[in-house]
mmCIF file of all heavy atoms, coordinates in Angstrom:
data_MODEL
# 
_entry.id   MODEL 
# 
loop_
_atom_site.group_PDB 
_atom_site.id 
_atom_site.type_symbol 
_atom_site.label_atom_id 
_atom_site.label_alt_id 
_atom_site.label_comp_id 
_atom_site.label_asym_id 
_atom_site.label_entity_id 
_atom_site.label_seq_id 
_atom_site.pdbx_PDB_ins_code 
_atom_site.Cartn_x 
_atom_site.Cartn_y 
_atom_site.Cartn_z 
_atom_site.occupancy 
_atom_site.B_iso_or_equiv 
_atom_site.pdbx_formal_charge 
_atom_site.auth_seq_id 
_atom_site.auth_comp_id 
_atom_site.auth_asym_id 
_atom_site.auth_atom_id 
_atom_site.pdbx_PDB_model_num 
ATOM 1   N N   . THR A 1 1  ? 0.823   -1.213  0.000   1.00 0.00 ? 1  THR A N   1 
ATOM 2   C CA  . THR A 1 1  ? 0.000   0.000   0.000   1.00 0.00 ? 1  THR A CA  1 
ATOM 3   C C   . THR A 1 1  ? 0.851   1.256   0.000   1.00 0.00 ? 1  THR A C   1 
ATOM 4   O O   . THR A 1 1  ? 0.353   2.344   -0.266  1.00 0.00 ? 1  THR A O   1 
ATOM 5   C CB  . THR A 1 1  ? -0.931  0.032   1.227   1.00 0.00 ? 1  THR A CB  1 
ATOM 6   O OG1 . THR A 1 1  ? -0.140  -0.047  2.422   1.00 0.00 ? 1  THR A OG1 1 
ATOM 7   C CG2 . THR A 1 1  ? -1.905  -1.144  1.192   1.00 0.00 ? 1  THR A CG2 1 
ATOM 8   N N   . ASP A 1 2  ? 2.139   1.089   0.321   1.00 0.00 ? 2  ASP A N   1 
ATOM 9   C CA  . ASP A 1 2  ? 3.076   2.216   0.320   1.00 0.00 ? 2  ASP A CA  1 
ATOM 10  C C   . ASP A 1 2  ? 4.438   1.676   -0.097  1.00 0.00 ? 2  ASP A C   1 
ATOM 11  O O   . ASP A 1 2  ? 5.043   0.880   0.628   1.00 0.00 ? 2  ASP A O   1 
ATOM 12  C CB  . ASP A 1 2  ? 3.132   2.843   1.716   1.00 0.00 ? 2  ASP A CB  1 
ATOM 13  C CG  . ASP A 1 2  ? 4.011   4.084   1.778   1.00 0.00 ? 2  ASP A CG  1 
ATOM 14  O OD1 . ASP A 1 2  ? 5.162   4.033   1.301   1.00 0.00 ? 2  ASP A OD1 1 
ATOM 15  O OD2 . ASP A 1 2  ? 3.548   5.108   2.302   1.00 0.00 ? 2  ASP A OD2 1 
ATOM 16  N N   . ARG A 1 3  ? 4.924   2.117   -1.266  1.00 0.00 ? 3  ARG A N   1 
ATOM 17  C CA  . ARG A 1 3  ? 6.191   1.581   -1.771  1.00 0.00 ? 3  ARG A CA  1 
ATOM 18  C C   . ARG A 1 3  ? 7.378   1.965   -0.896  1.00 0.00 ? 3  ARG A C   1 
ATOM 19  O O   . ARG A 1 3  ? 8.302   1.164   -0.713  1.00 0.00 ? 3  ARG A O   1 
ATOM 20  C CB  . ARG A 1 3  ? 6.428   2.071   -3.204  1.00 0.00 ? 3  ARG A CB  1 
ATOM 21  C CG  . ARG A 1 3  ? 5.654   1.299   -4.244  1.00 0.00 ? 3  ARG A CG  1 
ATOM 22  C CD  . ARG A 1 3  ? 6.080   1.721   -5.628  1.00 0.00 ? 3  ARG A CD  1 
ATOM 23  N NE  . ARG A 1 3  ? 5.397   0.951   -6.654  1.00 0.00 ? 3  ARG A NE  1 
ATOM 24  C CZ  . ARG A 1 3  ? 5.534   1.169   -7.950  1.00 0.00 ? 3  ARG A CZ  1 
ATOM 25  N NH1 . ARG A 1 3  ? 6.320   2.159   -8.373  1.00 0.00 ? 3  ARG A NH1 1 
ATOM 26  N NH2 . ARG A 1 3  ? 4.889   0.426   -8.822  1.00 0.00 ? 3  ARG A NH2 1 
ATOM 27  N N   . ASP A 1 4  ? 7.390   3.192   -0.386  1.00 0.00 ? 4  ASP A N   1 
ATOM 28  C CA  . ASP A 1 4  ? 8.520   3.634   0.416   1.00 0.00 ? 4  ASP A CA  1 
ATOM 29  C C   . ASP A 1 4  ? 8.614   2.857   1.724   1.00 0.00 ? 4  ASP A C   1 
ATOM 30  O O   . ASP A 1 4  ? 9.691   2.416   2.134   1.00 0.00 ? 4  ASP A O   1 
ATOM 31  C CB  . ASP A 1 4  ? 8.407   5.132   0.703   1.00 0.00 ? 4  ASP A CB  1 
ATOM 32  C CG  . ASP A 1 4  ? 8.541   5.975   -0.560  1.00 0.00 ? 4  ASP A CG  1 
ATOM 33  O OD1 . ASP A 1 4  ? 9.232   5.521   -1.499  1.00 0.00 ? 4  ASP A OD1 1 
ATOM 34  O OD2 . ASP A 1 4  ? 7.953   7.075   -0.609  1.00 0.00 ? 4  ASP A OD2 1 
ATOM 35  N N   . LYS A 1 5  ? 7.461   2.660   2.375   1.00 0.00 ? 5  LYS A N   1 
ATOM 36  C CA  . LYS A 1 5  ? 7.446   1.942   3.650   1.00 0.00 ? 5  LYS A CA  1 
ATOM 37  C C   . LYS A 1 5  ? 7.264   0.436   3.467   1.00 0.00 ? 5  LYS A C   1 
ATOM 38  O O   . LYS A 1 5  ? 7.376   -0.324  4.427   1.00 0.00 ? 5  LYS A O   1 
ATOM 39  C CB  . LYS A 1 5  ? 6.325   2.495   4.532   1.00 0.00 ? 5  LYS A CB  1 
ATOM 40  C CG  . LYS A 1 5  ? 6.517   3.957   4.903   1.00 0.00 ? 5  LYS A CG  1 
ATOM 41  C CD  . LYS A 1 5  ? 5.354   4.454   5.762   1.00 0.00 ? 5  LYS A CD  1 
ATOM 42  C CE  . LYS A 1 5  ? 5.526   5.935   6.111   1.00 0.00 ? 5  LYS A CE  1 
ATOM 43  N NZ  . LYS A 1 5  ? 4.387   6.440   6.908   1.00 0.00 ? 5  LYS A NZ  1 
ATOM 44  N N   . ARG A 1 6  ? 6.945   0.027   2.240   1.00 0.00 ? 6  ARG A N   1 
ATOM 45  C CA  . ARG A 1 6  ? 6.764   -1.399  1.916   1.00 0.00 ? 6  ARG A CA  1 
ATOM 46  C C   . ARG A 1 6  ? 5.706   -2.049  2.816   1.00 0.00 ? 6  ARG A C   1 
ATOM 47  O O   . ARG A 1 6  ? 5.881   -3.174  3.310   1.00 0.00 ? 6  ARG A O   1 
ATOM 48  C CB  . ARG A 1 6  ? 8.092   -2.152  1.983   1.00 0.00 ? 6  ARG A CB  1 
ATOM 49  C CG  . ARG A 1 6  ? 9.158   -1.485  1.124   1.00 0.00 ? 6  ARG A CG  1 
ATOM 50  C CD  . ARG A 1 6  ? 10.408  -2.280  0.903   1.00 0.00 ? 6  ARG A CD  1 
ATOM 51  N NE  . ARG A 1 6  ? 11.351  -1.473  0.120   1.00 0.00 ? 6  ARG A NE  1 
ATOM 52  C CZ  . ARG A 1 6  ? 12.391  -1.941  -0.559  1.00 0.00 ? 6  ARG A CZ  1 
ATOM 53  N NH1 . ARG A 1 6  ? 12.651  -3.225  -0.540  1.00 0.00 ? 6  ARG A NH1 1 
ATOM 54  N NH2 . ARG A 1 6  ? 13.169  -1.149  -1.246  1.00 0.00 ? 6  ARG A NH2 1 
ATOM 55  N N   . ILE A 1 7  ? 4.605   -1.345  3.007   1.00 0.00 ? 7  ILE A N   1 
ATOM 56  C CA  . ILE A 1 7  ? 3.522   -1.872  3.844   1.00 0.00 ? 7  ILE A CA  1 
ATOM 57  C C   . ILE A 1 7  ? 2.770   -2.951  3.065   1.00 0.00 ? 7  ILE A C   1 
ATOM 58  O O   . ILE A 1 7  ? 2.295   -2.696  1.955   1.00 0.00 ? 7  ILE A O   1 
ATOM 59  C CB  . ILE A 1 7  ? 2.554   -0.738  4.247   1.00 0.00 ? 7  ILE A CB  1 
ATOM 60  C CG1 . ILE A 1 7  ? 3.301   0.314   5.065   1.00 0.00 ? 7  ILE A CG1 1 
ATOM 61  C CG2 . ILE A 1 7  ? 1.364   -1.301  5.023   1.00 0.00 ? 7  ILE A CG2 1 
ATOM 62  C CD1 . ILE A 1 7  ? 2.478   1.558   5.339   1.00 0.00 ? 7  ILE A CD1 1 
ATOM 63  N N   . PRO A 1 8  ? 2.651   -4.162  3.603   1.00 0.00 ? 8  PRO A N   1 
ATOM 64  C CA  . PRO A 1 8  ? 1.999   -5.255  2.864   1.00 0.00 ? 8  PRO A CA  1 
ATOM 65  C C   . PRO A 1 8  ? 0.543   -4.937  2.534   1.00 0.00 ? 8  PRO A C   1 
ATOM 66  O O   . PRO A 1 8  ? -0.218  -4.501  3.409   1.00 0.00 ? 8  PRO A O   1 
ATOM 67  C CB  . PRO A 1 8  ? 2.103   -6.446  3.821   1.00 0.00 ? 8  PRO A CB  1 
ATOM 68  C CG  . PRO A 1 8  ? 3.207   -6.105  4.751   1.00 0.00 ? 8  PRO A CG  1 
ATOM 69  C CD  . PRO A 1 8  ? 3.177   -4.618  4.906   1.00 0.00 ? 8  PRO A CD  1 
ATOM 70  N N   . ALA A 1 9  ? 0.156   -5.160  1.286   1.00 0.00 ? 9  ALA A N   1 
ATOM 71  C CA  . ALA A 1 9  ? -1.232  -4.949  0.844   1.00 0.00 ? 9  ALA A CA  1 
ATOM 72  C C   . ALA A 1 9  ? -1.976  -6.279  0.924   1.00 0.00 ? 9  ALA A C   1 
ATOM 73  O O   . ALA A 1 9  ? -2.334  -6.880  -0.100  1.00 0.00 ? 9  ALA A O   1 
ATOM 74  C CB  . ALA A 1 9  ? -1.261  -4.384  -0.571  1.00 0.00 ? 9  ALA A CB  1 
ATOM 75  N N   . THR A 1 10 ? -2.236  -6.732  2.142   1.00 0.00 ? 10 THR A N   1 
ATOM 76  C CA  . THR A 1 10 ? -2.842  -8.043  2.353   1.00 0.00 ? 10 THR A CA  1 
ATOM 77  C C   . THR A 1 10 ? -4.279  -8.093  1.839   1.00 0.00 ? 10 THR A C   1 
ATOM 78  O O   . THR A 1 10 ? -4.653  -8.993  1.075   1.00 0.00 ? 10 THR A O   1 
ATOM 79  C CB  . THR A 1 10 ? -2.799  -8.403  3.845   1.00 0.00 ? 10 THR A CB  1 
ATOM 80  O OG1 . THR A 1 10 ? -1.435  -8.404  4.279   1.00 0.00 ? 10 THR A OG1 1 
ATOM 81  C CG2 . THR A 1 10 ? -3.391  -9.778  4.083   1.00 0.00 ? 10 THR A CG2 1 
ATOM 82  N N   . ALA A 1 11 ? -5.093  -7.135  2.243   1.00 0.00 ? 11 ALA A N   1 
ATOM 83  C CA  . ALA A 1 11 ? -6.494  -7.125  1.808   1.00 0.00 ? 11 ALA A CA  1 
ATOM 84  C C   . ALA A 1 11 ? -6.598  -6.939  0.305   1.00 0.00 ? 11 ALA A C   1 
ATOM 85  O O   . ALA A 1 11 ? -7.436  -7.562  -0.357  1.00 0.00 ? 11 ALA A O   1 
ATOM 86  C CB  . ALA A 1 11 ? -7.250  -6.007  2.534   1.00 0.00 ? 11 ALA A CB  1 
ATOM 87  N N   . GLU A 1 12 ? -5.729  -6.098  -0.237  1.00 0.00 ? 12 GLU A N   1 
ATOM 88  C CA  . GLU A 1 12 ? -5.758  -5.833  -1.673  1.00 0.00 ? 12 GLU A CA  1 
ATOM 89  C C   . GLU A 1 12 ? -5.338  -7.061  -2.472  1.00 0.00 ? 12 GLU A C   1 
ATOM 90  O O   . GLU A 1 12 ? -5.869  -7.317  -3.560  1.00 0.00 ? 12 GLU A O   1 
ATOM 91  C CB  . GLU A 1 12 ? -4.858  -4.636  -2.001  1.00 0.00 ? 12 GLU A CB  1 
ATOM 92  C CG  . GLU A 1 12 ? -5.370  -3.306  -1.484  1.00 0.00 ? 12 GLU A CG  1 
ATOM 93  C CD  . GLU A 1 12 ? -5.141  -3.097  0.017   1.00 0.00 ? 12 GLU A CD  1 
ATOM 94  O OE1 . GLU A 1 12 ? -4.433  -3.922  0.640   1.00 0.00 ? 12 GLU A OE1 1 
ATOM 95  O OE2 . GLU A 1 12 ? -5.667  -2.113  0.558   1.00 0.00 ? 12 GLU A OE2 1 
ATOM 96  N N   . ALA A 1 13 ? -4.394  -7.838  -1.954  1.00 0.00 ? 13 ALA A N   1 
ATOM 97  C CA  . ALA A 1 13 ? -3.984  -9.069  -2.638  1.00 0.00 ? 13 ALA A CA  1 
ATOM 98  C C   . ALA A 1 13 ? -5.146  -10.046 -2.733  1.00 0.00 ? 13 ALA A C   1 
ATOM 99  O O   . ALA A 1 13 ? -5.344  -10.703 -3.767  1.00 0.00 ? 13 ALA A O   1 
ATOM 100 C CB  . ALA A 1 13 ? -2.803  -9.711  -1.906  1.00 0.00 ? 13 ALA A CB  1 
ATOM 101 N N   . LEU A 1 14 ? -5.915  -10.150 -1.657  1.00 0.00 ? 14 LEU A N   1 
ATOM 102 C CA  . LEU A 1 14 ? -7.093  -11.017 -1.684  1.00 0.00 ? 14 LEU A CA  1 
ATOM 103 C C   . LEU A 1 14 ? -8.111  -10.516 -2.701  1.00 0.00 ? 14 LEU A C   1 
ATOM 104 O O   . LEU A 1 14 ? -8.732  -11.314 -3.416  1.00 0.00 ? 14 LEU A O   1 
ATOM 105 C CB  . LEU A 1 14 ? -7.719  -11.086 -0.294  1.00 0.00 ? 14 LEU A CB  1 
ATOM 106 C CG  . LEU A 1 14 ? -8.982  -11.936 -0.155  1.00 0.00 ? 14 LEU A CG  1 
ATOM 107 C CD1 . LEU A 1 14 ? -8.713  -13.384 -0.567  1.00 0.00 ? 14 LEU A CD1 1 
ATOM 108 C CD2 . LEU A 1 14 ? -9.516  -11.877 1.278   1.00 0.00 ? 14 LEU A CD2 1 
ATOM 109 N N   . GLN A 1 15 ? -8.272  -9.199  -2.787  1.00 0.00 ? 15 GLN A N   1 
ATOM 110 C CA  . GLN A 1 15 ? -9.176  -8.638  -3.794  1.00 0.00 ? 15 GLN A CA  1 
ATOM 111 C C   . GLN A 1 15 ? -8.729  -9.002  -5.201  1.00 0.00 ? 15 GLN A C   1 
ATOM 112 O O   . GLN A 1 15 ? -9.550  -9.378  -6.048  1.00 0.00 ? 15 GLN A O   1 
ATOM 113 C CB  . GLN A 1 15 ? -9.231  -7.111  -3.663  1.00 0.00 ? 15 GLN A CB  1 
ATOM 114 C CG  . GLN A 1 15 ? -9.996  -6.579  -2.476  1.00 0.00 ? 15 GLN A CG  1 
ATOM 115 C CD  . GLN A 1 15 ? -10.024 -5.064  -2.488  1.00 0.00 ? 15 GLN A CD  1 
ATOM 116 O OE1 . GLN A 1 15 ? -10.434 -4.445  -3.468  1.00 0.00 ? 15 GLN A OE1 1 
ATOM 117 N NE2 . GLN A 1 15 ? -9.559  -4.457  -1.408  1.00 0.00 ? 15 GLN A NE2 1 
ATOM 118 N N   . VAL A 1 16 ? -7.430  -8.881  -5.458  1.00 0.00 ? 16 VAL A N   1 
ATOM 119 C CA  . VAL A 1 16 ? -6.898  -9.217  -6.786  1.00 0.00 ? 16 VAL A CA  1 
ATOM 120 C C   . VAL A 1 16 ? -7.176  -10.682 -7.098  1.00 0.00 ? 16 VAL A C   1 
ATOM 121 O O   . VAL A 1 16 ? -7.654  -11.022 -8.193  1.00 0.00 ? 16 VAL A O   1 
ATOM 122 C CB  . VAL A 1 16 ? -5.389  -8.914  -6.859  1.00 0.00 ? 16 VAL A CB  1 
ATOM 123 C CG1 . VAL A 1 16 ? -4.788  -9.479  -8.152  1.00 0.00 ? 16 VAL A CG1 1 
ATOM 124 C CG2 . VAL A 1 16 ? -5.141  -7.413  -6.772  1.00 0.00 ? 16 VAL A CG2 1 
ATOM 125 N N   . LYS A 1 17 ? -6.887  -11.557 -6.155  1.00 0.00 ? 17 LYS A N   1 
ATOM 126 C CA  . LYS A 1 17 ? -7.122  -12.986 -6.351  1.00 0.00 ? 17 LYS A CA  1 
ATOM 127 C C   . LYS A 1 17 ? -8.584  -13.267 -6.671  1.00 0.00 ? 17 LYS A C   1 
ATOM 128 O O   . LYS A 1 17 ? -8.899  -14.034 -7.599  1.00 0.00 ? 17 LYS A O   1 
ATOM 129 C CB  . LYS A 1 17 ? -6.695  -13.747 -5.090  1.00 0.00 ? 17 LYS A CB  1 
ATOM 130 C CG  . LYS A 1 17 ? -7.038  -15.227 -5.090  1.00 0.00 ? 17 LYS A CG  1 
ATOM 131 C CD  . LYS A 1 17 ? -6.670  -15.854 -3.757  1.00 0.00 ? 17 LYS A CD  1 
ATOM 132 C CE  . LYS A 1 17 ? -7.216  -17.274 -3.639  1.00 0.00 ? 17 LYS A CE  1 
ATOM 133 N NZ  . LYS A 1 17 ? -6.897  -17.897 -2.336  1.00 0.00 ? 17 LYS A NZ  1 
ATOM 134 N N   . THR A 1 18 ? -9.496  -12.638 -5.933  1.00 0.00 ? 18 THR A N   1 
ATOM 135 C CA  . THR A 1 18 ? -10.932 -12.873 -6.125  1.00 0.00 ? 18 THR A CA  1 
ATOM 136 C C   . THR A 1 18 ? -11.406 -12.313 -7.459  1.00 0.00 ? 18 THR A C   1 
ATOM 137 O O   . THR A 1 18 ? -12.185 -12.957 -8.174  1.00 0.00 ? 18 THR A O   1 
ATOM 138 C CB  . THR A 1 18 ? -11.724 -12.241 -4.970  1.00 0.00 ? 18 THR A CB  1 
ATOM 139 O OG1 . THR A 1 18 ? -11.259 -12.785 -3.732  1.00 0.00 ? 18 THR A OG1 1 
ATOM 140 C CG2 . THR A 1 18 ? -13.202 -12.523 -5.111  1.00 0.00 ? 18 THR A CG2 1 
ATOM 141 N N   . LYS A 1 19 ? -10.962 -11.124 -7.808  1.00 0.00 ? 19 LYS A N   1 
ATOM 142 C CA  . LYS A 1 19 ? -11.360 -10.516 -9.078  1.00 0.00 ? 19 LYS A CA  1 
ATOM 143 C C   . LYS A 1 19 ? -10.833 -11.320 -10.268 1.00 0.00 ? 19 LYS A C   1 
ATOM 144 O O   . LYS A 1 19 ? -11.508 -11.438 -11.303 1.00 0.00 ? 19 LYS A O   1 
ATOM 145 C CB  . LYS A 1 19 ? -10.871 -9.073  -9.150  1.00 0.00 ? 19 LYS A CB  1 
ATOM 146 C CG  . LYS A 1 19 ? -11.669 -8.107  -8.272  1.00 0.00 ? 19 LYS A CG  1 
ATOM 147 C CD  . LYS A 1 19 ? -11.099 -6.706  -8.332  1.00 0.00 ? 19 LYS A CD  1 
ATOM 148 C CE  . LYS A 1 19 ? -11.950 -5.727  -7.533  1.00 0.00 ? 19 LYS A CE  1 
ATOM 149 N NZ  . LYS A 1 19 ? -13.266 -5.477  -8.188  1.00 0.00 ? 19 LYS A NZ  1 
ATOM 150 N N   . LEU A 1 20 ? -9.645  -11.880 -10.146 1.00 0.00 ? 20 LEU A N   1 
ATOM 151 C CA  . LEU A 1 20 ? -9.117  -12.718 -11.223 1.00 0.00 ? 20 LEU A CA  1 
ATOM 152 C C   . LEU A 1 20 ? -9.951  -13.988 -11.384 1.00 0.00 ? 20 LEU A C   1 
ATOM 153 O O   . LEU A 1 20 ? -10.208 -14.439 -12.498 1.00 0.00 ? 20 LEU A O   1 
ATOM 154 C CB  . LEU A 1 20 ? -7.651  -13.082 -10.950 1.00 0.00 ? 20 LEU A CB  1 
ATOM 155 C CG  . LEU A 1 20 ? -6.641  -11.960 -11.144 1.00 0.00 ? 20 LEU A CG  1 
ATOM 156 C CD1 . LEU A 1 20 ? -5.258  -12.410 -10.668 1.00 0.00 ? 20 LEU A CD1 1 
ATOM 157 C CD2 . LEU A 1 20 ? -6.566  -11.519 -12.608 1.00 0.00 ? 20 LEU A CD2 1 
ATOM 158 N N   . LYS A 1 21 ? -10.381 -14.539 -10.263 1.00 0.00 ? 21 LYS A N   1 
ATOM 159 C CA  . LYS A 1 21 ? -11.248 -15.715 -10.337 1.00 0.00 ? 21 LYS A CA  1 
ATOM 160 C C   . LYS A 1 21 ? -12.529 -15.391 -11.099 1.00 0.00 ? 21 LYS A C   1 
ATOM 161 O O   . LYS A 1 21 ? -13.015 -16.189 -11.916 1.00 0.00 ? 21 LYS A O   1 
ATOM 162 C CB  . LYS A 1 21 ? -11.594 -16.200 -8.931  1.00 0.00 ? 21 LYS A CB  1 
ATOM 163 C CG  . LYS A 1 21 ? -12.594 -17.345 -8.899  1.00 0.00 ? 21 LYS A CG  1 
ATOM 164 C CD  . LYS A 1 21 ? -13.396 -17.290 -7.620  1.00 0.00 ? 21 LYS A CD  1 
ATOM 165 C CE  . LYS A 1 21 ? -14.606 -18.172 -7.719  1.00 0.00 ? 21 LYS A CE  1 
ATOM 166 N NZ  . LYS A 1 21 ? -15.579 -17.925 -6.646  1.00 0.00 ? 21 LYS A NZ  1 
ATOM 167 N N   . ASP A 1 22 ? -13.085 -14.212 -10.869 1.00 0.00 ? 22 ASP A N   1 
ATOM 168 C CA  . ASP A 1 22 ? -14.290 -13.796 -11.583 1.00 0.00 ? 22 ASP A CA  1 
ATOM 169 C C   . ASP A 1 22 ? -14.032 -13.633 -13.081 1.00 0.00 ? 22 ASP A C   1 
ATOM 170 O O   . ASP A 1 22 ? -14.976 -13.658 -13.874 1.00 0.00 ? 22 ASP A O   1 
ATOM 171 C CB  . ASP A 1 22 ? -14.818 -12.478 -11.005 1.00 0.00 ? 22 ASP A CB  1 
ATOM 172 C CG  . ASP A 1 22 ? -15.322 -12.634 -9.572  1.00 0.00 ? 22 ASP A CG  1 
ATOM 173 O OD1 . ASP A 1 22 ? -15.619 -13.779 -9.170  1.00 0.00 ? 22 ASP A OD1 1 
ATOM 174 O OD2 . ASP A 1 22 ? -15.408 -11.615 -8.859  1.00 0.00 ? 22 ASP A OD2 1 
ATOM 175 N N   . ARG A 1 23 ? -12.766 -13.490 -13.438 1.00 0.00 ? 23 ARG A N   1 
ATOM 176 C CA  . ARG A 1 23 ? -12.377 -13.381 -14.846 1.00 0.00 ? 23 ARG A CA  1 
ATOM 177 C C   . ARG A 1 23 ? -11.816 -14.717 -15.367 1.00 0.00 ? 23 ARG A C   1 
ATOM 178 O O   . ARG A 1 23 ? -11.146 -14.763 -16.386 1.00 0.00 ? 23 ARG A O   1 
ATOM 179 C CB  . ARG A 1 23 ? -11.328 -12.281 -15.006 1.00 0.00 ? 23 ARG A CB  1 
ATOM 180 C CG  . ARG A 1 23 ? -11.865 -10.873 -14.775 1.00 0.00 ? 23 ARG A CG  1 
ATOM 181 C CD  . ARG A 1 23 ? -10.728 -9.884  -14.524 1.00 0.00 ? 23 ARG A CD  1 
ATOM 182 N NE  . ARG A 1 23 ? -11.238 -8.507  -14.462 1.00 0.00 ? 23 ARG A NE  1 
ATOM 183 C CZ  . ARG A 1 23 ? -11.120 -7.621  -15.438 1.00 0.00 ? 23 ARG A CZ  1 
ATOM 184 N NH1 . ARG A 1 23 ? -10.513 -7.959  -16.575 1.00 0.00 ? 23 ARG A NH1 1 
ATOM 185 N NH2 . ARG A 1 23 ? -11.603 -6.401  -15.303 1.00 0.00 ? 23 ARG A NH2 1 
ATOM 186 N N   . TYR A 1 24 ? -12.035 -15.777 -14.598 1.00 0.00 ? 24 TYR A N   1 
ATOM 187 C CA  . TYR A 1 24 ? -11.668 -17.134 -15.016 1.00 0.00 ? 24 TYR A CA  1 
ATOM 188 C C   . TYR A 1 24 ? -10.155 -17.336 -15.074 1.00 0.00 ? 24 TYR A C   1 
ATOM 189 O O   . TYR A 1 24 ? -9.615  -17.991 -15.965 1.00 0.00 ? 24 TYR A O   1 
ATOM 190 C CB  . TYR A 1 24 ? -12.346 -17.501 -16.348 1.00 0.00 ? 24 TYR A CB  1 
ATOM 191 C CG  . TYR A 1 24 ? -13.843 -17.380 -16.246 1.00 0.00 ? 24 TYR A CG  1 
ATOM 192 C CD1 . TYR A 1 24 ? -14.481 -16.202 -16.617 1.00 0.00 ? 24 TYR A CD1 1 
ATOM 193 C CD2 . TYR A 1 24 ? -14.610 -18.399 -15.701 1.00 0.00 ? 24 TYR A CD2 1 
ATOM 194 C CE1 . TYR A 1 24 ? -15.854 -16.054 -16.462 1.00 0.00 ? 24 TYR A CE1 1 
ATOM 195 C CE2 . TYR A 1 24 ? -15.977 -18.265 -15.548 1.00 0.00 ? 24 TYR A CE2 1 
ATOM 196 C CZ  . TYR A 1 24 ? -16.598 -17.087 -15.929 1.00 0.00 ? 24 TYR A CZ  1 
ATOM 197 O OH  . TYR A 1 24 ? -17.952 -16.944 -15.762 1.00 0.00 ? 24 TYR A OH  1 
ATOM 198 N N   . ILE A 1 25 ? -9.487  -16.816 -14.051 1.00 0.00 ? 25 ILE A N   1 
ATOM 199 C CA  . ILE A 1 25 ? -8.047  -16.990 -13.881 1.00 0.00 ? 25 ILE A CA  1 
ATOM 200 C C   . ILE A 1 25 ? -7.797  -17.394 -12.431 1.00 0.00 ? 25 ILE A C   1 
ATOM 201 O O   . ILE A 1 25 ? -8.307  -16.752 -11.504 1.00 0.00 ? 25 ILE A O   1 
ATOM 202 C CB  . ILE A 1 25 ? -7.274  -15.697 -14.200 1.00 0.00 ? 25 ILE A CB  1 
ATOM 203 C CG1 . ILE A 1 25 ? -7.426  -15.333 -15.678 1.00 0.00 ? 25 ILE A CG1 1 
ATOM 204 C CG2 . ILE A 1 25 ? -5.797  -15.840 -13.846 1.00 0.00 ? 25 ILE A CG2 1 
ATOM 205 C CD1 . ILE A 1 25 ? -6.887  -13.958 -16.026 1.00 0.00 ? 25 ILE A CD1 1 
# 
């Protein structure tokens, strides 16, 4: 969520995974 601080985007990663599934990936 922040490149300088390298804060893990945990919730966003789950969103990406779920949205890709909806696109058949």
